[in-house]
Amino acid sequence: MSTPEEQPDHEEILARARAARPEMATALDGDQEPELDEDLGWQPIWKRPRKPKSKADKKKELRKQRERLRDAGKRRLAAGQSRRPRSRQSRIGNAAARRDARALSRVRHSNAWLW
């Protein structure tokens, strides 16, 4: 424990605190919005100041997006129309199912009475 002689005077502490006040104020204001001109280095995206895009930039972005969507549509269409040969087993199964469905439909739509 320090003795009272080693402790600094209260007026001296108060004077030091008053002298450091401007430094503390600038340190506390550091997280406020920065000026747009000053370079901040890397910052996470949520802390970066927003700068509005020009019309040319917006149009370029939309053009890219349309092109991406158009390409995706072409790929989807091509995938649906692909002529990849199916396995024999699945063809047989599908044909049998089609035959069964056709027979059932004939029975259902016929005028024959089933007792």
C-alpha atoms as a PDB file:
ATOM      1  CA  MET A   1       0.000   0.000   0.000  1.00  0.00           C
ATOM      2  CA  SER A   2       1.182   3.441  -0.837  1.00  0.00           C
ATOM      3  CA  THR A   3       1.523   6.024   1.838  1.00  0.00           C
ATOM      4  CA  PRO A   4      -0.157   9.438   1.567  1.00  0.00           C
ATOM      5  CA  GLU A   5       3.215  11.068   0.749  1.00  0.00           C
ATOM      6  CA  GLU A   6       3.569   8.953  -2.434  1.00  0.00           C
ATOM      7  CA  GLN A   7       0.080   9.782  -3.751  1.00  0.00           C
ATOM      8  CA  PRO A   8      -0.104  12.753  -6.149  1.00  0.00           C
ATOM      9  CA  ASP A   9      -2.032  15.862  -5.171  1.00  0.00           C
ATOM     10  CA  HIS A  10      -5.733  16.069  -6.164  1.00  0.00           C
ATOM     11  CA  GLU A  11      -5.237  19.395  -7.938  1.00  0.00           C
ATOM     12  CA  GLU A  12      -2.386  17.846  -9.966  1.00  0.00           C
ATOM     13  CA  ILE A  13      -4.618  14.919 -11.057  1.00  0.00           C
ATOM     14  CA  LEU A  14      -7.414  17.324 -12.018  1.00  0.00           C
ATOM     15  CA  ALA A  15      -5.003  19.479 -14.052  1.00  0.00           C
ATOM     16  CA  ARG A  16      -3.695  16.417 -15.917  1.00  0.00           C
ATOM     17  CA  ALA A  17      -7.250  15.240 -16.688  1.00  0.00           C
ATOM     18  CA  ARG A  18      -8.194  18.717 -18.009  1.00  0.00           C
ATOM     19  CA  ALA A  19      -5.078  18.754 -20.203  1.00  0.00           C
ATOM     20  CA  ALA A  20      -5.931  15.326 -21.652  1.00  0.00           C
ATOM     21  CA  ARG A  21      -9.580  16.260 -22.359  1.00  0.00           C
ATOM     22  CA  PRO A  22      -9.104  17.131 -26.082  1.00  0.00           C
ATOM     23  CA  GLU A  23      -7.228  13.872 -26.738  1.00  0.00           C
ATOM     24  CA  MET A  24      -9.966  11.859 -25.045  1.00  0.00           C
ATOM     25  CA  ALA A  25     -12.661  13.669 -27.054  1.00  0.00           C
ATOM     26  CA  THR A  26     -10.944  12.860 -30.359  1.00  0.00           C
ATOM     27  CA  ALA A  27     -10.501   9.225 -29.311  1.00  0.00           C
ATOM     28  CA  LEU A  28     -14.207   8.938 -28.466  1.00  0.00           C
ATOM     29  CA  ASP A  29     -15.288  10.600 -31.729  1.00  0.00           C
ATOM     30  CA  GLY A  30     -13.131   8.211 -33.752  1.00  0.00           C
ATOM     31  CA  ASP A  31     -16.018   5.870 -34.605  1.00  0.00           C
ATOM     32  CA  GLN A  32     -18.143   8.675 -36.096  1.00  0.00           C
ATOM     33  CA  GLU A  33     -18.692   8.973 -39.852  1.00  0.00           C
ATOM     34  CA  PRO A  34     -15.388   9.818 -41.549  1.00  0.00           C
ATOM     35  CA  GLU A  35     -14.998  12.386 -44.294  1.00  0.00           C
ATOM     36  CA  LEU A  36     -15.512  10.983 -47.784  1.00  0.00           C
ATOM     37  CA  ASP A  37     -12.147  12.260 -49.014  1.00  0.00           C
ATOM     38  CA  GLU A  38      -9.928  10.668 -46.411  1.00  0.00           C
ATOM     39  CA  ASP A  39      -8.542   7.200 -47.128  1.00  0.00           C
ATOM     40  CA  LEU A  40      -9.339   4.741 -44.342  1.00  0.00           C
ATOM     41  CA  GLY A  41      -7.575   1.654 -45.613  1.00  0.00           C
ATOM     42  CA  TRP A  42      -9.452  -1.624 -45.329  1.00  0.00           C
ATOM     43  CA  GLN A  43     -12.706  -1.611 -43.380  1.00  0.00           C
ATOM     44  CA  PRO A  44     -15.452  -4.191 -43.029  1.00  0.00           C
ATOM     45  CA  ILE A  45     -18.270  -3.595 -45.480  1.00  0.00           C
ATOM     46  CA  TRP A  46     -20.778  -2.494 -42.836  1.00  0.00           C
ATOM     47  CA  LYS A  47     -18.446   0.292 -41.696  1.00  0.00           C
ATOM     48  CA  ARG A  48     -17.617   1.638 -45.157  1.00  0.00           C
ATOM     49  CA  PRO A  49     -19.226   4.944 -46.077  1.00  0.00           C
ATOM     50  CA  ARG A  50     -21.878   4.596 -48.764  1.00  0.00           C
ATOM     51  CA  LYS A  51     -21.102   6.157 -52.080  1.00  0.00           C
ATOM     52  CA  PRO A  52     -23.881   6.314 -54.657  1.00  0.00           C
ATOM     53  CA  LYS A  53     -23.324   4.497 -57.954  1.00  0.00           C
ATOM     54  CA  SER A  54     -23.310   6.415 -61.198  1.00  0.00           C
ATOM     55  CA  LYS A  55     -25.952   5.672 -63.834  1.00  0.00           C
ATOM     56  CA  ALA A  56     -23.334   4.027 -66.033  1.00  0.00           C
ATOM     57  CA  ASP A  57     -22.293   1.710 -63.178  1.00  0.00           C
ATOM     58  CA  LYS A  58     -25.927   0.773 -62.482  1.00  0.00           C
ATOM     59  CA  LYS A  59     -26.554   0.027 -66.153  1.00  0.00           C
ATOM     60  CA  LYS A  60     -23.384  -2.058 -66.387  1.00  0.00           C
ATOM     61  CA  GLU A  61     -24.421  -4.071 -63.312  1.00  0.00           C
ATOM     62  CA  LEU A  62     -27.925  -4.655 -64.698  1.00  0.00           C
ATOM     63  CA  ARG A  63     -26.473  -5.689 -68.069  1.00  0.00           C
ATOM     64  CA  LYS A  64     -24.269  -8.261 -66.324  1.00  0.00           C
ATOM     65  CA  GLN A  65     -27.225  -9.536 -64.291  1.00  0.00           C
ATOM     66  CA  ARG A  66     -29.418  -9.895 -67.416  1.00  0.00           C
ATOM     67  CA  GLU A  67     -26.634 -11.752 -69.191  1.00  0.00           C
ATOM     68  CA  ARG A  68     -26.207 -14.122 -66.214  1.00  0.00           C
ATOM     69  CA  LEU A  69     -29.943 -14.818 -66.084  1.00  0.00           C
ATOM     70  CA  ARG A  70     -30.121 -15.336 -69.862  1.00  0.00           C
ATOM     71  CA  ASP A  71     -27.242 -17.817 -69.721  1.00  0.00           C
ATOM     72  CA  ALA A  72     -28.886 -19.659 -66.823  1.00  0.00           C
ATOM     73  CA  GLY A  73     -32.119 -19.907 -68.830  1.00  0.00           C
ATOM     74  CA  LYS A  74     -30.236 -21.307 -71.818  1.00  0.00           C
ATOM     75  CA  ARG A  75     -28.539 -23.898 -69.609  1.00  0.00           C
ATOM     76  CA  ARG A  76     -31.867 -24.897 -68.072  1.00  0.00           C
ATOM     77  CA  LEU A  77     -33.470 -25.246 -71.489  1.00  0.00           C
ATOM     78  CA  ALA A  78     -30.554 -27.280 -72.803  1.00  0.00           C
ATOM     79  CA  ALA A  79     -30.679 -29.546 -69.744  1.00  0.00           C
ATOM     80  CA  GLY A  80     -34.376 -30.209 -70.286  1.00  0.00           C
ATOM     81  CA  GLN A  81     -33.868 -31.031 -73.936  1.00  0.00           C
ATOM     82  CA  SER A  82     -30.699 -33.074 -73.541  1.00  0.00           C
ATOM     83  CA  ARG A  83     -30.743 -36.278 -75.534  1.00  0.00           C
ATOM     84  CA  ARG A  84     -28.777 -38.331 -73.067  1.00  0.00           C
ATOM     85  CA  PRO A  85     -29.731 -41.999 -73.575  1.00  0.00           C
ATOM     86  CA  ARG A  86     -31.621 -43.477 -70.661  1.00  0.00           C
ATOM     87  CA  SER A  87     -30.791 -46.843 -69.224  1.00  0.00           C
ATOM     88  CA  ARG A  88     -32.675 -49.843 -70.626  1.00  0.00           C
ATOM     89  CA  GLN A  89     -34.197 -50.663 -67.242  1.00  0.00           C
ATOM     90  CA  SER A  90     -35.832 -47.280 -66.831  1.00  0.00           C
ATOM     91  CA  ARG A  91     -37.173 -47.388 -70.400  1.00  0.00           C
ATOM     92  CA  ILE A  92     -38.770 -50.801 -69.778  1.00  0.00           C
ATOM     93  CA  GLY A  93     -40.243 -49.659 -66.480  1.00  0.00           C
ATOM     94  CA  ASN A  94     -41.681 -46.500 -68.001  1.00  0.00           C
ATOM     95  CA  ALA A  95     -43.145 -48.360 -70.973  1.00  0.00           C
ATOM     96  CA  ALA A  96     -44.816 -50.902 -68.684  1.00  0.00           C
ATOM     97  CA  ALA A  97     -46.226 -48.124 -66.538  1.00  0.00           C
ATOM     98  CA  ARG A  98     -47.551 -46.357 -69.636  1.00  0.00           C
ATOM     99  CA  ARG A  99     -49.216 -49.572 -70.830  1.00  0.00           C
ATOM    100  CA  ASP A 100     -50.854 -50.127 -67.450  1.00  0.00           C
ATOM    101  CA  ALA A 101     -52.097 -46.556 -67.314  1.00  0.00           C
ATOM    102  CA  ARG A 102     -53.473 -46.824 -70.859  1.00  0.00           C
ATOM    103  CA  ALA A 103     -55.315 -50.057 -70.028  1.00  0.00           C
ATOM    104  CA  LEU A 104     -56.793 -48.587 -66.861  1.00  0.00           C
ATOM    105  CA  SER A 105     -57.877 -45.475 -68.701  1.00  0.00           C
ATOM    106  CA  ARG A 106     -59.589 -47.602 -71.385  1.00  0.00           C
ATOM    107  CA  VAL A 107     -61.487 -49.528 -68.740  1.00  0.00           C
ATOM    108  CA  ARG A 108     -62.432 -46.355 -66.940  1.00  0.00           C
ATOM    109  CA  HIS A 109     -63.726 -44.611 -70.060  1.00  0.00           C
ATOM    110  CA  SER A 110     -65.489 -47.622 -71.589  1.00  0.00           C
ATOM    111  CA  ASN A 111     -69.232 -48.207 -71.404  1.00  0.00           C
ATOM    112  CA  ALA A 112     -68.734 -51.793 -70.218  1.00  0.00           C
ATOM    113  CA  TRP A 113     -70.346 -52.610 -66.885  1.00  0.00           C
ATOM    114  CA  LEU A 114     -68.084 -54.408 -64.460  1.00  0.00           C
ATOM    115  CA  TRP A 115     -70.043 -56.617 -62.043  1.00  0.00           C
END
